[in-house]
């Protein structure tokens, strides 16, 4: 979860799920103006909706106040162990810390190849339709009053497979540099969780992250 590094007044926070198949990317999103506590609560509800489990990736920006948000997520998981995301974290899965210093406009432009190939399918939820609307008005410039947090979160979700090994590499470098572990806060494992069903992995991220809806809108800009 993240509010972005240069949050503009009135920006949405965005939680986005991207499910990647061999030929399409299904997108579901929850966009709302909310405080950090509500972001954390809504993230757990969103992951519950998508039945998050081992093999999926969940991440958030690891810059500025996001480190505090990460602690809030782990604390909420420990206090609410019945949520799917709680079980995911309690069973040893990491929250991927995204450290991408690429300017936001360039990050969003990385989505261009998927738009060109008509890869996206958006659920017909209000949040997903906001992301689609942001894409249709995006002109590559950062302007006052123009929201792009949903697009940024979508890019971050698609970057999670790249960001996860980079996170572990950073941790190894920090351990060598300071002689101690700098892993994310760990929760005492009070339960185990095993998932045997096979299905497409999902990537969920939250920005400042296969939808539950049965209806999808073709993404075009």
C-alpha atoms as a PDB file:
ATOM      1  CA  UNK A   1       0.000   0.000   0.000  1.00  0.00           C
ATOM      2  CA  UNK A   2       1.195   3.469  -0.763  1.00  0.00           C
ATOM      3  CA  UNK A   3       0.017   7.003  -1.290  1.00  0.00           C
ATOM      4  CA  UNK A   4       2.803   7.767  -3.739  1.00  0.00           C
ATOM      5  CA  UNK A   5       6.042   9.626  -3.192  1.00  0.00           C
ATOM      6  CA  UNK A   6       4.678  12.996  -4.290  1.00  0.00           C
ATOM      7  CA  UNK A   7       1.117  12.806  -3.103  1.00  0.00           C
ATOM      8  CA  UNK A   8      -1.128  15.557  -4.407  1.00  0.00           C
ATOM      9  CA  UNK A   9      -3.946  16.771  -2.183  1.00  0.00           C
ATOM     10  CA  UNK A  10      -7.044  14.691  -2.816  1.00  0.00           C
ATOM     11  CA  UNK A  11      -5.264  11.770  -4.502  1.00  0.00           C
ATOM     12  CA  UNK A  12      -6.880   8.357  -4.348  1.00  0.00           C
ATOM     13  CA  UNK A  13      -5.247   5.431  -2.628  1.00  0.00           C
ATOM     14  CA  UNK A  14      -5.242   2.460  -4.990  1.00  0.00           C
ATOM     15  CA  UNK A  15      -5.256  -1.276  -4.364  1.00  0.00           C
ATOM     16  CA  UNK A  16      -4.860  -3.235  -7.596  1.00  0.00           C
ATOM     17  CA  UNK A  17      -4.937  -6.929  -8.457  1.00  0.00           C
ATOM     18  CA  UNK A  18      -3.470  -8.100 -11.787  1.00  0.00           C
ATOM     19  CA  UNK A  19      -3.980 -11.704 -12.850  1.00  0.00           C
ATOM     20  CA  UNK A  20      -1.746 -12.578 -15.793  1.00  0.00           C
ATOM     21  CA  UNK A  21      -2.653 -15.410 -18.162  1.00  0.00           C
ATOM     22  CA  UNK A  22      -0.884 -16.546 -21.308  1.00  0.00           C
ATOM     23  CA  UNK A  23      -2.660 -13.905 -23.381  1.00  0.00           C
ATOM     24  CA  UNK A  24      -4.533 -11.456 -21.113  1.00  0.00           C
ATOM     25  CA  UNK A  25      -4.184  -9.423 -17.916  1.00  0.00           C
ATOM     26  CA  UNK A  26      -7.287  -9.238 -15.725  1.00  0.00           C
ATOM     27  CA  UNK A  27      -7.385  -6.141 -13.523  1.00  0.00           C
ATOM     28  CA  UNK A  28      -9.473  -5.404 -10.457  1.00  0.00           C
ATOM     29  CA  UNK A  29      -9.007  -2.268  -8.364  1.00  0.00           C
ATOM     30  CA  UNK A  30     -10.242  -0.487  -5.265  1.00  0.00           C
ATOM     31  CA  UNK A  31      -9.693   3.278  -5.378  1.00  0.00           C
ATOM     32  CA  UNK A  32     -10.768   5.578  -2.592  1.00  0.00           C
ATOM     33  CA  UNK A  33      -9.621   8.607  -0.617  1.00  0.00           C
ATOM     34  CA  UNK A  34      -8.699   7.115   2.772  1.00  0.00           C
ATOM     35  CA  UNK A  35      -6.263   7.321   5.652  1.00  0.00           C
ATOM     36  CA  UNK A  36      -3.522   4.719   6.334  1.00  0.00           C
ATOM     37  CA  UNK A  37      -5.648   2.738   8.807  1.00  0.00           C
ATOM     38  CA  UNK A  38      -8.431   2.394   6.249  1.00  0.00           C
ATOM     39  CA  UNK A  39      -5.902   1.462   3.538  1.00  0.00           C
ATOM     40  CA  UNK A  40      -4.701  -1.461   5.661  1.00  0.00           C
ATOM     41  CA  UNK A  41      -8.216  -2.622   6.500  1.00  0.00           C
ATOM     42  CA  UNK A  42      -9.341  -2.409   2.873  1.00  0.00           C
ATOM     43  CA  UNK A  43      -6.229  -4.262   1.675  1.00  0.00           C
ATOM     44  CA  UNK A  44      -7.137  -7.257   3.846  1.00  0.00           C
ATOM     45  CA  UNK A  45     -10.735  -7.205   2.594  1.00  0.00           C
ATOM     46  CA  UNK A  46      -9.525  -6.914  -1.015  1.00  0.00           C
ATOM     47  CA  UNK A  47      -7.140  -9.862  -0.621  1.00  0.00           C
ATOM     48  CA  UNK A  48      -9.946 -11.846   1.005  1.00  0.00           C
ATOM     49  CA  UNK A  49     -12.097 -11.188  -2.057  1.00  0.00           C
ATOM     50  CA  UNK A  50      -9.326 -12.514  -4.313  1.00  0.00           C
ATOM     51  CA  UNK A  51      -8.507 -15.461  -2.050  1.00  0.00           C
ATOM     52  CA  UNK A  52      -4.824 -14.567  -1.845  1.00  0.00           C
ATOM     53  CA  UNK A  53      -2.608 -17.594  -1.224  1.00  0.00           C
ATOM     54  CA  UNK A  54       0.890 -19.001  -1.629  1.00  0.00           C
ATOM     55  CA  UNK A  55       2.172 -18.400  -5.152  1.00  0.00           C
ATOM     56  CA  UNK A  56       0.583 -14.955  -5.360  1.00  0.00           C
ATOM     57  CA  UNK A  57       2.588 -11.767  -4.828  1.00  0.00           C
ATOM     58  CA  UNK A  58       1.565  -8.852  -2.610  1.00  0.00           C
ATOM     59  CA  UNK A  59       3.629  -5.683  -2.536  1.00  0.00           C
ATOM     60  CA  UNK A  60       3.799  -2.025  -1.663  1.00  0.00           C
ATOM     61  CA  UNK A  61       6.126   0.905  -2.117  1.00  0.00           C
ATOM     62  CA  UNK A  62       8.946   0.862   0.434  1.00  0.00           C
ATOM     63  CA  UNK A  63       9.636   4.601   0.456  1.00  0.00           C
ATOM     64  CA  UNK A  64       8.756   7.437   2.846  1.00  0.00           C
ATOM     65  CA  UNK A  65       5.887   6.596   5.202  1.00  0.00           C
ATOM     66  CA  UNK A  66       5.273   3.240   3.534  1.00  0.00           C
ATOM     67  CA  UNK A  67       7.637   1.508   5.979  1.00  0.00           C
ATOM     68  CA  UNK A  68       5.211   2.509   8.727  1.00  0.00           C
ATOM     69  CA  UNK A  69       2.357   1.139   6.640  1.00  0.00           C
ATOM     70  CA  UNK A  70       4.222  -2.152   6.276  1.00  0.00           C
ATOM     71  CA  UNK A  71       4.452  -2.435  10.061  1.00  0.00           C
ATOM     72  CA  UNK A  72       0.722  -1.709  10.294  1.00  0.00           C
ATOM     73  CA  UNK A  73      -0.016  -4.520   7.824  1.00  0.00           C
ATOM     74  CA  UNK A  74       2.010  -7.094   9.762  1.00  0.00           C
ATOM     75  CA  UNK A  75       0.443  -5.943  13.036  1.00  0.00           C
ATOM     76  CA  UNK A  76      -3.067  -6.177  11.583  1.00  0.00           C
ATOM     77  CA  UNK A  77      -2.297  -9.678  10.279  1.00  0.00           C
ATOM     78  CA  UNK A  78      -1.160 -10.819  13.735  1.00  0.00           C
ATOM     79  CA  UNK A  79      -4.285  -9.394  15.346  1.00  0.00           C
ATOM     80  CA  UNK A  80      -6.664 -10.736  12.673  1.00  0.00           C
ATOM     81  CA  UNK A  81      -5.302 -14.189  11.739  1.00  0.00           C
ATOM     82  CA  UNK A  82      -8.413 -15.412   9.916  1.00  0.00           C
ATOM     83  CA  UNK A  83      -7.997 -13.166   6.882  1.00  0.00           C
ATOM     84  CA  UNK A  84      -6.507 -14.733   3.749  1.00  0.00           C
ATOM     85  CA  UNK A  85      -3.703 -12.133   3.727  1.00  0.00           C
ATOM     86  CA  UNK A  86      -2.987 -12.846   7.398  1.00  0.00           C
ATOM     87  CA  UNK A  87      -2.600 -16.553   6.638  1.00  0.00           C
ATOM     88  CA  UNK A  88      -0.414 -15.673   3.649  1.00  0.00           C
ATOM     89  CA  UNK A  89       1.953 -13.630   5.844  1.00  0.00           C
ATOM     90  CA  UNK A  90       1.784 -15.922   8.888  1.00  0.00           C
ATOM     91  CA  UNK A  91       2.842 -18.881   6.740  1.00  0.00           C
ATOM     92  CA  UNK A  92       6.088 -17.130   5.798  1.00  0.00           C
ATOM     93  CA  UNK A  93       5.285 -15.262   2.593  1.00  0.00           C
ATOM     94  CA  UNK A  94       6.857 -11.826   2.334  1.00  0.00           C
ATOM     95  CA  UNK A  95       5.269  -8.516   1.523  1.00  0.00           C
ATOM     96  CA  UNK A  96       7.308  -7.357  -1.479  1.00  0.00           C
ATOM     97  CA  UNK A  97       8.922  -3.980  -0.850  1.00  0.00           C
ATOM     98  CA  UNK A  98       8.965  -2.052  -4.125  1.00  0.00           C
ATOM     99  CA  UNK A  99      11.842   0.384  -4.480  1.00  0.00           C
ATOM    100  CA  UNK A 100      11.507   1.864  -7.946  1.00  0.00           C
ATOM    101  CA  UNK A 101      13.085   5.291  -8.383  1.00  0.00           C
ATOM    102  CA  UNK A 102      11.896   5.571 -11.981  1.00  0.00           C
ATOM    103  CA  UNK A 103       9.797   8.763 -12.355  1.00  0.00           C
ATOM    104  CA  UNK A 104       6.066   8.092 -12.129  1.00  0.00           C
ATOM    105  CA  UNK A 105       5.311   9.174 -15.694  1.00  0.00           C
ATOM    106  CA  UNK A 106       7.912   6.737 -17.031  1.00  0.00           C
ATOM    107  CA  UNK A 107       6.537   3.959 -14.841  1.00  0.00           C
ATOM    108  CA  UNK A 108       3.050   4.482 -16.217  1.00  0.00           C
ATOM    109  CA  UNK A 109       4.391   4.546 -19.791  1.00  0.00           C
ATOM    110  CA  UNK A 110       5.663   0.989 -19.218  1.00  0.00           C
ATOM    111  CA  UNK A 111       2.025  -0.047 -19.538  1.00  0.00           C
ATOM    112  CA  UNK A 112       1.933   1.164 -23.156  1.00  0.00           C
ATOM    113  CA  UNK A 113       2.918  -2.182 -24.655  1.00  0.00           C
ATOM    114  CA  UNK A 114      -0.009  -3.907 -22.924  1.00  0.00           C
ATOM    115  CA  UNK A 115      -2.455  -1.263 -24.140  1.00  0.00           C
ATOM    116  CA  UNK A 116      -1.101  -1.580 -27.674  1.00  0.00           C
ATOM    117  CA  UNK A 117      -1.587  -5.349 -27.599  1.00  0.00           C
ATOM    118  CA  UNK A 118      -5.052  -4.989 -25.981  1.00  0.00           C
ATOM    119  CA  UNK A 119      -4.003  -7.222 -23.110  1.00  0.00           C
ATOM    120  CA  UNK A 120      -6.045  -5.637 -20.329  1.00  0.00           C
ATOM    121  CA  UNK A 121      -9.488  -6.684 -19.154  1.00  0.00           C
ATOM    122  CA  UNK A 122     -10.989  -4.588 -16.364  1.00  0.00           C
ATOM    123  CA  UNK A 123     -13.620  -5.806 -13.922  1.00  0.00           C
ATOM    124  CA  UNK A 124     -16.788  -3.752 -13.873  1.00  0.00           C
ATOM    125  CA  UNK A 125     -16.205  -2.540 -10.329  1.00  0.00           C
ATOM    126  CA  UNK A 126     -16.130   1.218  -9.645  1.00  0.00           C
ATOM    127  CA  UNK A 127     -12.416   1.184  -8.816  1.00  0.00           C
ATOM    128  CA  UNK A 128     -11.459  -0.665 -11.985  1.00  0.00           C
ATOM    129  CA  UNK A 129     -13.483   1.713 -14.104  1.00  0.00           C
ATOM    130  CA  UNK A 130     -11.671   4.653 -12.472  1.00  0.00           C
ATOM    131  CA  UNK A 131      -8.322   3.119 -13.490  1.00  0.00           C
ATOM    132  CA  UNK A 132      -9.595   2.683 -17.041  1.00  0.00           C
ATOM    133  CA  UNK A 133     -10.790   6.294 -17.079  1.00  0.00           C
ATOM    134  CA  UNK A 134      -7.372   7.446 -15.831  1.00  0.00           C
ATOM    135  CA  UNK A 135      -5.767   5.584 -18.719  1.00  0.00           C
ATOM    136  CA  UNK A 136      -8.076   7.198 -21.249  1.00  0.00           C
ATOM    137  CA  UNK A 137      -7.118  10.706 -20.067  1.00  0.00           C
ATOM    138  CA  UNK A 138      -3.405  10.032 -19.461  1.00  0.00           C
ATOM    139  CA  UNK A 139      -1.219  12.177 -21.700  1.00  0.00           C
ATOM    140  CA  UNK A 140       2.213  11.464 -20.201  1.00  0.00           C
ATOM    141  CA  UNK A 141       2.415  14.638 -18.122  1.00  0.00           C
ATOM    142  CA  UNK A 142       1.852  15.167 -14.413  1.00  0.00           C
ATOM    143  CA  UNK A 143      -0.743  17.894 -14.024  1.00  0.00           C
ATOM    144  CA  UNK A 144      -2.536  19.379 -11.040  1.00  0.00           C
ATOM    145  CA  UNK A 145      -5.919  17.779 -10.461  1.00  0.00           C
ATOM    146  CA  UNK A 146      -5.263  14.814 -12.766  1.00  0.00           C
ATOM    147  CA  UNK A 147      -5.244  11.488 -10.906  1.00  0.00           C
ATOM    148  CA  UNK A 148      -3.005   8.621 -11.990  1.00  0.00           C
ATOM    149  CA  UNK A 149      -2.570   6.551  -8.830  1.00  0.00           C
ATOM    150  CA  UNK A 150      -4.505   3.596 -10.206  1.00  0.00           C
ATOM    151  CA  UNK A 151      -2.225   3.407 -13.243  1.00  0.00           C
ATOM    152  CA  UNK A 152       0.858   3.657 -11.030  1.00  0.00           C
ATOM    153  CA  UNK A 153      -0.424   0.835  -8.824  1.00  0.00           C
ATOM    154  CA  UNK A 154      -1.163  -1.304 -11.889  1.00  0.00           C
ATOM    155  CA  UNK A 155       2.403  -0.851 -13.112  1.00  0.00           C
ATOM    156  CA  UNK A 156       3.722  -1.759  -9.662  1.00  0.00           C
ATOM    157  CA  UNK A 157       1.615  -4.928  -9.619  1.00  0.00           C
ATOM    158  CA  UNK A 158       3.117  -6.025 -12.935  1.00  0.00           C
ATOM    159  CA  UNK A 159       6.611  -5.227 -11.628  1.00  0.00           C
ATOM    160  CA  UNK A 160       6.281  -7.492  -8.566  1.00  0.00           C
ATOM    161  CA  UNK A 161       7.972 -10.557 -10.168  1.00  0.00           C
ATOM    162  CA  UNK A 162      10.989  -8.332 -10.905  1.00  0.00           C
ATOM    163  CA  UNK A 163      10.906  -6.489  -7.586  1.00  0.00           C
ATOM    164  CA  UNK A 164      10.819  -9.588  -5.355  1.00  0.00           C
ATOM    165  CA  UNK A 165      14.350 -10.861  -6.188  1.00  0.00           C
ATOM    166  CA  UNK A 166      15.638  -7.276  -6.073  1.00  0.00           C
ATOM    167  CA  UNK A 167      14.241  -6.957  -2.540  1.00  0.00           C
ATOM    168  CA  UNK A 168      16.126 -10.071  -1.415  1.00  0.00           C
ATOM    169  CA  UNK A 169      19.276  -8.789  -3.088  1.00  0.00           C
ATOM    170  CA  UNK A 170      18.979  -5.487  -1.192  1.00  0.00           C
ATOM    171  CA  UNK A 171      18.527  -7.369   2.064  1.00  0.00           C
ATOM    172  CA  UNK A 172      21.669  -9.440   1.436  1.00  0.00           C
ATOM    173  CA  UNK A 173      23.630  -6.280   0.671  1.00  0.00           C
ATOM    174  CA  UNK A 174      22.396  -4.615   3.867  1.00  0.00           C
ATOM    175  CA  UNK A 175      23.266  -7.644   5.982  1.00  0.00           C
ATOM    176  CA  UNK A 176      26.793  -7.653   4.569  1.00  0.00           C
ATOM    177  CA  UNK A 177      27.028  -3.925   5.209  1.00  0.00           C
ATOM    178  CA  UNK A 178      25.796  -3.800   8.797  1.00  0.00           C
ATOM    179  CA  UNK A 179      26.218  -7.357  10.041  1.00  0.00           C
ATOM    180  CA  UNK A 180      22.564  -7.920  10.933  1.00  0.00           C
ATOM    181  CA  UNK A 181      19.305  -8.857   9.279  1.00  0.00           C
ATOM    182  CA  UNK A 182      17.024  -6.149   7.964  1.00  0.00           C
ATOM    183  CA  UNK A 183      14.062  -8.345   7.055  1.00  0.00           C
ATOM    184  CA  UNK A 184      10.553  -6.977   7.266  1.00  0.00           C
ATOM    185  CA  UNK A 185       8.881  -7.385  10.673  1.00  0.00           C
ATOM    186  CA  UNK A 186       8.155 -11.037  11.345  1.00  0.00           C
ATOM    187  CA  UNK A 187       5.011 -12.371  12.954  1.00  0.00           C
ATOM    188  CA  UNK A 188       5.182 -15.285  15.350  1.00  0.00           C
ATOM    189  CA  UNK A 189       3.617 -18.131  13.458  1.00  0.00           C
ATOM    190  CA  UNK A 190       0.463 -19.152  15.254  1.00  0.00           C
ATOM    191  CA  UNK A 191      -0.984 -21.125  12.371  1.00  0.00           C
ATOM    192  CA  UNK A 192       0.001 -22.811   9.142  1.00  0.00           C
ATOM    193  CA  UNK A 193      -1.750 -22.557   5.825  1.00  0.00           C
ATOM    194  CA  UNK A 194      -1.498 -24.947   2.924  1.00  0.00           C
ATOM    195  CA  UNK A 195      -3.227 -24.381  -0.383  1.00  0.00           C
ATOM    196  CA  UNK A 196      -3.425 -27.303  -2.794  1.00  0.00           C
ATOM    197  CA  UNK A 197      -5.655 -25.839  -5.531  1.00  0.00           C
ATOM    198  CA  UNK A 198      -3.811 -24.865  -8.687  1.00  0.00           C
ATOM    199  CA  UNK A 199      -4.724 -21.601 -10.386  1.00  0.00           C
ATOM    200  CA  UNK A 200      -3.164 -18.589 -12.035  1.00  0.00           C
ATOM    201  CA  UNK A 201      -1.002 -16.528  -9.675  1.00  0.00           C
ATOM    202  CA  UNK A 202      -2.216 -13.073  -8.781  1.00  0.00           C
ATOM    203  CA  UNK A 203      -0.207  -9.929  -8.120  1.00  0.00           C
ATOM    204  CA  UNK A 204      -1.668  -7.406  -5.721  1.00  0.00           C
ATOM    205  CA  UNK A 205      -0.198  -4.030  -4.889  1.00  0.00           C
ATOM    206  CA  UNK A 206      -1.477  -0.942  -3.232  1.00  0.00           C
ATOM    207  CA  UNK A 207      -0.674   2.618  -4.215  1.00  0.00           C
ATOM    208  CA  UNK A 208      -1.487   5.763  -2.030  1.00  0.00           C
ATOM    209  CA  UNK A 209      -2.680  -2.818  -5.176  1.00  0.00           C
ATOM    210  CA  UNK A 210      -8.621 -11.798 -11.446  1.00  0.00           C
ATOM    211  CA  UNK A 211     -11.365  -9.600 -10.048  1.00  0.00           C
ATOM    212  CA  UNK A 212     -14.323 -10.829  -8.082  1.00  0.00           C
ATOM    213  CA  UNK A 213     -16.664  -9.623 -10.794  1.00  0.00           C
ATOM    214  CA  UNK A 214     -17.820 -11.892 -13.583  1.00  0.00           C
ATOM    215  CA  UNK A 215     -17.909  -9.032 -16.083  1.00  0.00           C
ATOM    216  CA  UNK A 216     -14.851  -7.481 -17.712  1.00  0.00           C
ATOM    217  CA  UNK A 217     -14.269  -4.432 -19.855  1.00  0.00           C
ATOM    218  CA  UNK A 218     -11.725  -4.482 -22.675  1.00  0.00           C
ATOM    219  CA  UNK A 219      -9.010  -1.946 -21.933  1.00  0.00           C
ATOM    220  CA  UNK A 220      -8.324   0.545 -24.712  1.00  0.00           C
ATOM    221  CA  UNK A 221      -6.953   4.065 -24.805  1.00  0.00           C
END
